[in-house]
Amino acid sequence: TGDRYRMLVERAALALLDYIDDNAD
């Protein structure tokens, strides 16, 4: 989603951290 490169980096970093937060096991 999106075409701004900085936003893509932000989303990717948050997506991994969100997954870890919600699915630690």
PDB file of all heavy atoms in Angstrom:
ATOM      1  N   THR A   1       0.838  -1.200   0.000  1.00  0.00           N
ATOM      2  CA  THR A   1       0.000   0.000   0.000  1.00  0.00           C
ATOM      3  C   THR A   1       0.869   1.245   0.000  1.00  0.00           C
ATOM      4  O   THR A   1       1.867   1.324   0.710  1.00  0.00           O
ATOM      5  CB  THR A   1      -0.902   0.023   1.250  1.00  0.00           C
ATOM      6  OG1 THR A   1      -0.081  -0.101   2.418  1.00  0.00           O
ATOM      7  CG2 THR A   1      -1.910  -1.110   1.225  1.00  0.00           C
ATOM      8  N   GLY A   2       0.492   2.193  -0.811  1.00  0.00           N
ATOM      9  CA  GLY A   2       1.191   3.473  -0.840  1.00  0.00           C
ATOM     10  C   GLY A   2       2.367   3.458  -1.794  1.00  0.00           C
ATOM     11  O   GLY A   2       2.854   2.416  -2.201  1.00  0.00           O
ATOM     12  N   ASP A   3       2.809   4.651  -2.139  1.00  0.00           N
ATOM     13  CA  ASP A   3       3.923   4.750  -3.074  1.00  0.00           C
ATOM     14  C   ASP A   3       5.053   5.625  -2.524  1.00  0.00           C
ATOM     15  O   ASP A   3       6.015   5.895  -3.214  1.00  0.00           O
ATOM     16  CB  ASP A   3       3.450   5.282  -4.427  1.00  0.00           C
ATOM     17  CG  ASP A   3       2.758   6.627  -4.303  1.00  0.00           C
ATOM     18  OD1 ASP A   3       2.634   7.132  -3.168  1.00  0.00           O
ATOM     19  OD2 ASP A   3       2.348   7.164  -5.339  1.00  0.00           O
ATOM     20  N   ARG A   4       4.921   6.080  -1.295  1.00  0.00           N
ATOM     21  CA  ARG A   4       5.989   6.858  -0.672  1.00  0.00           C
ATOM     22  C   ARG A   4       6.932   5.883   0.027  1.00  0.00           C
ATOM     23  O   ARG A   4       6.522   5.112   0.890  1.00  0.00           O
ATOM     24  CB  ARG A   4       5.399   7.869   0.308  1.00  0.00           C
ATOM     25  CG  ARG A   4       4.591   8.952  -0.412  1.00  0.00           C
ATOM     26  CD  ARG A   4       3.938   9.909   0.538  1.00  0.00           C
ATOM     27  NE  ARG A   4       4.910  10.483   1.470  1.00  0.00           N
ATOM     28  CZ  ARG A   4       4.589  10.882   2.697  1.00  0.00           C
ATOM     29  NH1 ARG A   4       3.349  10.762   3.127  1.00  0.00           N
ATOM     30  NH2 ARG A   4       5.501  11.395   3.483  1.00  0.00           N
ATOM     31  N   TYR A   5       8.201   5.926  -0.339  1.00  0.00           N
ATOM     32  CA  TYR A   5       9.137   4.899   0.125  1.00  0.00           C
ATOM     33  C   TYR A   5       9.336   4.925   1.631  1.00  0.00           C
ATOM     34  O   TYR A   5       9.426   3.879   2.261  1.00  0.00           O
ATOM     35  CB  TYR A   5      10.469   5.043  -0.617  1.00  0.00           C
ATOM     36  CG  TYR A   5      10.321   4.792  -2.091  1.00  0.00           C
ATOM     37  CD1 TYR A   5      10.504   5.818  -3.009  1.00  0.00           C
ATOM     38  CD2 TYR A   5       9.948   3.545  -2.552  1.00  0.00           C
ATOM     39  CE1 TYR A   5      10.332   5.586  -4.369  1.00  0.00           C
ATOM     40  CE2 TYR A   5       9.765   3.302  -3.907  1.00  0.00           C
ATOM     41  CZ  TYR A   5       9.969   4.323  -4.811  1.00  0.00           C
ATOM     42  OH  TYR A   5       9.789   4.094  -6.151  1.00  0.00           O
ATOM     43  N   ARG A   6       9.398   6.079   2.211  1.00  0.00           N
ATOM     44  CA  ARG A   6       9.563   6.141   3.663  1.00  0.00           C
ATOM     45  C   ARG A   6       8.378   5.491   4.360  1.00  0.00           C
ATOM     46  O   ARG A   6       8.533   4.768   5.347  1.00  0.00           O
ATOM     47  CB  ARG A   6       9.738   7.580   4.133  1.00  0.00           C
ATOM     48  CG  ARG A   6       9.958   7.642   5.649  1.00  0.00           C
ATOM     49  CD  ARG A   6      10.119   9.049   6.188  1.00  0.00           C
ATOM     50  NE  ARG A   6      10.234   8.993   7.625  1.00  0.00           N
ATOM     51  CZ  ARG A   6      11.264   9.434   8.310  1.00  0.00           C
ATOM     52  NH1 ARG A   6      12.286   9.971   7.692  1.00  0.00           N
ATOM     53  NH2 ARG A   6      11.285   9.352   9.619  1.00  0.00           N
ATOM     54  N   MET A   7       7.171   5.734   3.866  1.00  0.00           N
ATOM     55  CA  MET A   7       5.978   5.131   4.463  1.00  0.00           C
ATOM     56  C   MET A   7       6.012   3.609   4.345  1.00  0.00           C
ATOM     57  O   MET A   7       5.566   2.898   5.248  1.00  0.00           O
ATOM     58  CB  MET A   7       4.719   5.680   3.801  1.00  0.00           C
ATOM     59  CG  MET A   7       4.485   7.155   4.054  1.00  0.00           C
ATOM     60  SD  MET A   7       4.343   7.570   5.816  1.00  0.00           S
ATOM     61  CE  MET A   7       2.799   6.788   6.211  1.00  0.00           C
ATOM     62  N   LEU A   8       6.545   3.101   3.243  1.00  0.00           N
ATOM     63  CA  LEU A   8       6.657   1.646   3.090  1.00  0.00           C
ATOM     64  C   LEU A   8       7.607   1.066   4.132  1.00  0.00           C
ATOM     65  O   LEU A   8       7.337   0.013   4.715  1.00  0.00           O
ATOM     66  CB  LEU A   8       7.131   1.298   1.686  1.00  0.00           C
ATOM     67  CG  LEU A   8       6.133   1.566   0.557  1.00  0.00           C
ATOM     68  CD1 LEU A   8       6.788   1.341  -0.799  1.00  0.00           C
ATOM     69  CD2 LEU A   8       4.909   0.666   0.705  1.00  0.00           C
ATOM     70  N   VAL A   9       8.722   1.738   4.375  1.00  0.00           N
ATOM     71  CA  VAL A   9       9.667   1.271   5.396  1.00  0.00           C
ATOM     72  C   VAL A   9       9.003   1.313   6.767  1.00  0.00           C
ATOM     73  O   VAL A   9       9.115   0.371   7.561  1.00  0.00           O
ATOM     74  CB  VAL A   9      10.963   2.119   5.385  1.00  0.00           C
ATOM     75  CG1 VAL A   9      11.881   1.720   6.530  1.00  0.00           C
ATOM     76  CG2 VAL A   9      11.691   1.965   4.051  1.00  0.00           C
ATOM     77  N   GLU A  10       8.278   2.391   7.045  1.00  0.00           N
ATOM     78  CA  GLU A  10       7.590   2.509   8.334  1.00  0.00           C
ATOM     79  C   GLU A  10       6.562   1.402   8.506  1.00  0.00           C
ATOM     80  O   GLU A  10       6.471   0.785   9.572  1.00  0.00           O
ATOM     81  CB  GLU A  10       6.906   3.880   8.443  1.00  0.00           C
ATOM     82  CG  GLU A  10       7.888   5.016   8.613  1.00  0.00           C
ATOM     83  CD  GLU A  10       7.201   6.370   8.734  1.00  0.00           C
ATOM     84  OE1 GLU A  10       5.945   6.433   8.739  1.00  0.00           O
ATOM     85  OE2 GLU A  10       7.936   7.374   8.829  1.00  0.00           O
ATOM     86  N   ARG A  11       5.789   1.164   7.453  1.00  0.00           N
ATOM     87  CA  ARG A  11       4.755   0.122   7.542  1.00  0.00           C
ATOM     88  C   ARG A  11       5.356  -1.266   7.729  1.00  0.00           C
ATOM     89  O   ARG A  11       4.825  -2.091   8.470  1.00  0.00           O
ATOM     90  CB  ARG A  11       3.878   0.157   6.285  1.00  0.00           C
ATOM     91  CG  ARG A  11       2.935   1.324   6.255  1.00  0.00           C
ATOM     92  CD  ARG A  11       1.925   1.155   5.130  1.00  0.00           C
ATOM     93  NE  ARG A  11       1.123   2.354   5.007  1.00  0.00           N
ATOM     94  CZ  ARG A  11       1.136   3.162   3.973  1.00  0.00           C
ATOM     95  NH1 ARG A  11       1.914   2.913   2.944  1.00  0.00           N
ATOM     96  NH2 ARG A  11       0.367   4.228   3.946  1.00  0.00           N
ATOM     97  N   ALA A  12       6.455  -1.542   7.037  1.00  0.00           N
ATOM     98  CA  ALA A  12       7.092  -2.853   7.164  1.00  0.00           C
ATOM     99  C   ALA A  12       7.625  -3.060   8.575  1.00  0.00           C
ATOM    100  O   ALA A  12       7.452  -4.134   9.173  1.00  0.00           O
ATOM    101  CB  ALA A  12       8.222  -2.994   6.141  1.00  0.00           C
ATOM    102  N   ALA A  13       8.276  -2.044   9.131  1.00  0.00           N
ATOM    103  CA  ALA A  13       8.803  -2.146  10.498  1.00  0.00           C
ATOM    104  C   ALA A  13       7.666  -2.353  11.493  1.00  0.00           C
ATOM    105  O   ALA A  13       7.741  -3.235  12.368  1.00  0.00           O
ATOM    106  CB  ALA A  13       9.605  -0.904  10.857  1.00  0.00           C
ATOM    107  N   LEU A  14       6.615  -1.570  11.356  1.00  0.00           N
ATOM    108  CA  LEU A  14       5.480  -1.710  12.278  1.00  0.00           C
ATOM    109  C   LEU A  14       4.755  -3.039  12.098  1.00  0.00           C
ATOM    110  O   LEU A  14       4.286  -3.618  13.076  1.00  0.00           O
ATOM    111  CB  LEU A  14       4.496  -0.552  12.084  1.00  0.00           C
ATOM    112  CG  LEU A  14       4.784   0.692  12.914  1.00  0.00           C
ATOM    113  CD1 LEU A  14       3.825   1.811  12.539  1.00  0.00           C
ATOM    114  CD2 LEU A  14       4.701   0.404  14.401  1.00  0.00           C
ATOM    115  N   ALA A  15       4.669  -3.523  10.874  1.00  0.00           N
ATOM    116  CA  ALA A  15       3.986  -4.803  10.633  1.00  0.00           C
ATOM    117  C   ALA A  15       4.701  -5.935  11.364  1.00  0.00           C
ATOM    118  O   ALA A  15       4.056  -6.789  11.983  1.00  0.00           O
ATOM    119  CB  ALA A  15       3.918  -5.091   9.137  1.00  0.00           C
ATOM    120  N   LEU A  16       6.027  -5.962  11.307  1.00  0.00           N
ATOM    121  CA  LEU A  16       6.762  -7.014  12.014  1.00  0.00           C
ATOM    122  C   LEU A  16       6.585  -6.858  13.518  1.00  0.00           C
ATOM    123  O   LEU A  16       6.318  -7.840  14.222  1.00  0.00           O
ATOM    124  CB  LEU A  16       8.247  -6.979  11.658  1.00  0.00           C
ATOM    125  CG  LEU A  16       9.097  -8.026  12.390  1.00  0.00           C
ATOM    126  CD1 LEU A  16       8.663  -9.450  12.031  1.00  0.00           C
ATOM    127  CD2 LEU A  16      10.568  -7.845  12.092  1.00  0.00           C
ATOM    128  N   LEU A  17       6.705  -5.647  14.033  1.00  0.00           N
ATOM    129  CA  LEU A  17       6.549  -5.430  15.469  1.00  0.00           C
ATOM    130  C   LEU A  17       5.124  -5.724  15.930  1.00  0.00           C
ATOM    131  O   LEU A  17       4.915  -6.263  17.026  1.00  0.00           O
ATOM    132  CB  LEU A  17       6.965  -4.007  15.839  1.00  0.00           C
ATOM    133  CG  LEU A  17       8.443  -3.675  15.617  1.00  0.00           C
ATOM    134  CD1 LEU A  17       8.704  -2.198  15.888  1.00  0.00           C
ATOM    135  CD2 LEU A  17       9.356  -4.543  16.472  1.00  0.00           C
ATOM    136  N   ASP A  18       4.131  -5.398  15.103  1.00  0.00           N
ATOM    137  CA  ASP A  18       2.737  -5.730  15.430  1.00  0.00           C
ATOM    138  C   ASP A  18       2.557  -7.243  15.519  1.00  0.00           C
ATOM    139  O   ASP A  18       1.900  -7.752  16.434  1.00  0.00           O
ATOM    140  CB  ASP A  18       1.774  -5.182  14.373  1.00  0.00           C
ATOM    141  CG  ASP A  18       1.511  -3.697  14.522  1.00  0.00           C
ATOM    142  OD1 ASP A  18       1.774  -3.147  15.609  1.00  0.00           O
ATOM    143  OD2 ASP A  18       1.055  -3.080  13.539  1.00  0.00           O
ATOM    144  N   TYR A  19       3.125  -7.955  14.551  1.00  0.00           N
ATOM    145  CA  TYR A  19       3.009  -9.410  14.567  1.00  0.00           C
ATOM    146  C   TYR A  19       3.639  -9.971  15.842  1.00  0.00           C
ATOM    147  O   TYR A  19       3.059 -10.833  16.514  1.00  0.00           O
ATOM    148  CB  TYR A  19       3.680 -10.020  13.335  1.00  0.00           C
ATOM    149  CG  TYR A  19       3.742 -11.528  13.412  1.00  0.00           C
ATOM    150  CD1 TYR A  19       2.642 -12.297  13.049  1.00  0.00           C
ATOM    151  CD2 TYR A  19       4.868 -12.181  13.901  1.00  0.00           C
ATOM    152  CE1 TYR A  19       2.667 -13.671  13.157  1.00  0.00           C
ATOM    153  CE2 TYR A  19       4.900 -13.553  14.022  1.00  0.00           C
ATOM    154  CZ  TYR A  19       3.800 -14.296  13.648  1.00  0.00           C
ATOM    155  OH  TYR A  19       3.827 -15.656  13.781  1.00  0.00           O
ATOM    156  N   ILE A  20       4.833  -9.494  16.194  1.00  0.00           N
ATOM    157  CA  ILE A  20       5.514  -9.968  17.404  1.00  0.00           C
ATOM    158  C   ILE A  20       4.669  -9.665  18.636  1.00  0.00           C
ATOM    159  O   ILE A  20       4.515 -10.506  19.525  1.00  0.00           O
ATOM    160  CB  ILE A  20       6.910  -9.319  17.528  1.00  0.00           C
ATOM    161  CG1 ILE A  20       7.819  -9.821  16.410  1.00  0.00           C
ATOM    162  CG2 ILE A  20       7.527  -9.600  18.898  1.00  0.00           C
ATOM    163  CD1 ILE A  20       9.117  -9.043  16.277  1.00  0.00           C
ATOM    164  N   ASP A  21       4.104  -8.466  18.686  1.00  0.00           N
ATOM    165  CA  ASP A  21       3.294  -8.047  19.822  1.00  0.00           C
ATOM    166  C   ASP A  21       2.055  -8.924  19.968  1.00  0.00           C
ATOM    167  O   ASP A  21       1.703  -9.336  21.071  1.00  0.00           O
ATOM    168  CB  ASP A  21       2.886  -6.587  19.622  1.00  0.00           C
ATOM    169  CG  ASP A  21       2.584  -5.877  20.927  1.00  0.00           C
ATOM    170  OD1 ASP A  21       3.018  -6.363  22.001  1.00  0.00           O
ATOM    171  OD2 ASP A  21       1.931  -4.822  20.886  1.00  0.00           O
ATOM    172  N   ASP A  22       1.406  -9.216  18.857  1.00  0.00           N
ATOM    173  CA  ASP A  22       0.148  -9.969  18.884  1.00  0.00           C
ATOM    174  C   ASP A  22       0.345 -11.477  18.868  1.00  0.00           C
ATOM    175  O   ASP A  22      -0.569 -12.227  19.225  1.00  0.00           O
ATOM    176  CB  ASP A  22      -0.724  -9.584  17.684  1.00  0.00           C
ATOM    177  CG  ASP A  22      -1.123  -8.120  17.705  1.00  0.00           C
ATOM    178  OD1 ASP A  22      -1.122  -7.508  18.794  1.00  0.00           O
ATOM    179  OD2 ASP A  22      -1.418  -7.577  16.622  1.00  0.00           O
ATOM    180  N   ASN A  23       1.514 -11.944  18.428  1.00  0.00           N
ATOM    181  CA  ASN A  23       1.746 -13.381  18.247  1.00  0.00           C
ATOM    182  C   ASN A  23       3.131 -13.791  18.766  1.00  0.00           C
ATOM    183  O   ASN A  23       3.909 -14.410  18.051  1.00  0.00           O
ATOM    184  CB  ASN A  23       1.657 -13.745  16.764  1.00  0.00           C
ATOM    185  CG  ASN A  23       0.325 -13.376  16.158  1.00  0.00           C
ATOM    186  OD1 ASN A  23      -0.662 -14.069  16.326  1.00  0.00           O
ATOM    187  ND2 ASN A  23       0.299 -12.255  15.467  1.00  0.00           N
ATOM    188  N   ALA A  24       3.421 -13.421  20.010  1.00  0.00           N
ATOM    189  CA  ALA A  24       4.761 -13.680  20.553  1.00  0.00           C
ATOM    190  C   ALA A  24       5.114 -15.170  20.500  1.00  0.00           C
ATOM    191  O   ALA A  24       6.235 -15.534  20.130  1.00  0.00           O
ATOM    192  CB  ALA A  24       4.861 -13.159  21.985  1.00  0.00           C
ATOM    193  N   ASP A  25       4.159 -16.036  20.847  1.00  0.00           N
ATOM    194  CA  ASP A  25       4.432 -17.477  20.806  1.00  0.00           C
ATOM    195  C   ASP A  25       4.758 -17.926  19.386  1.00  0.00           C
ATOM    196  O   ASP A  25       5.703 -18.688  19.167  1.00  0.00           O
ATOM    197  CB  ASP A  25       3.226 -18.283  21.331  1.00  0.00           C
ATOM    198  CG  ASP A  25       3.152 -18.293  22.854  1.00  0.00           C
ATOM    199  OD1 ASP A  25       4.103 -17.819  23.507  1.00  0.00           O
ATOM    200  OD2 ASP A  25       2.130 -18.772  23.382  1.00  0.00           O
TER     201      ASP A  25
END
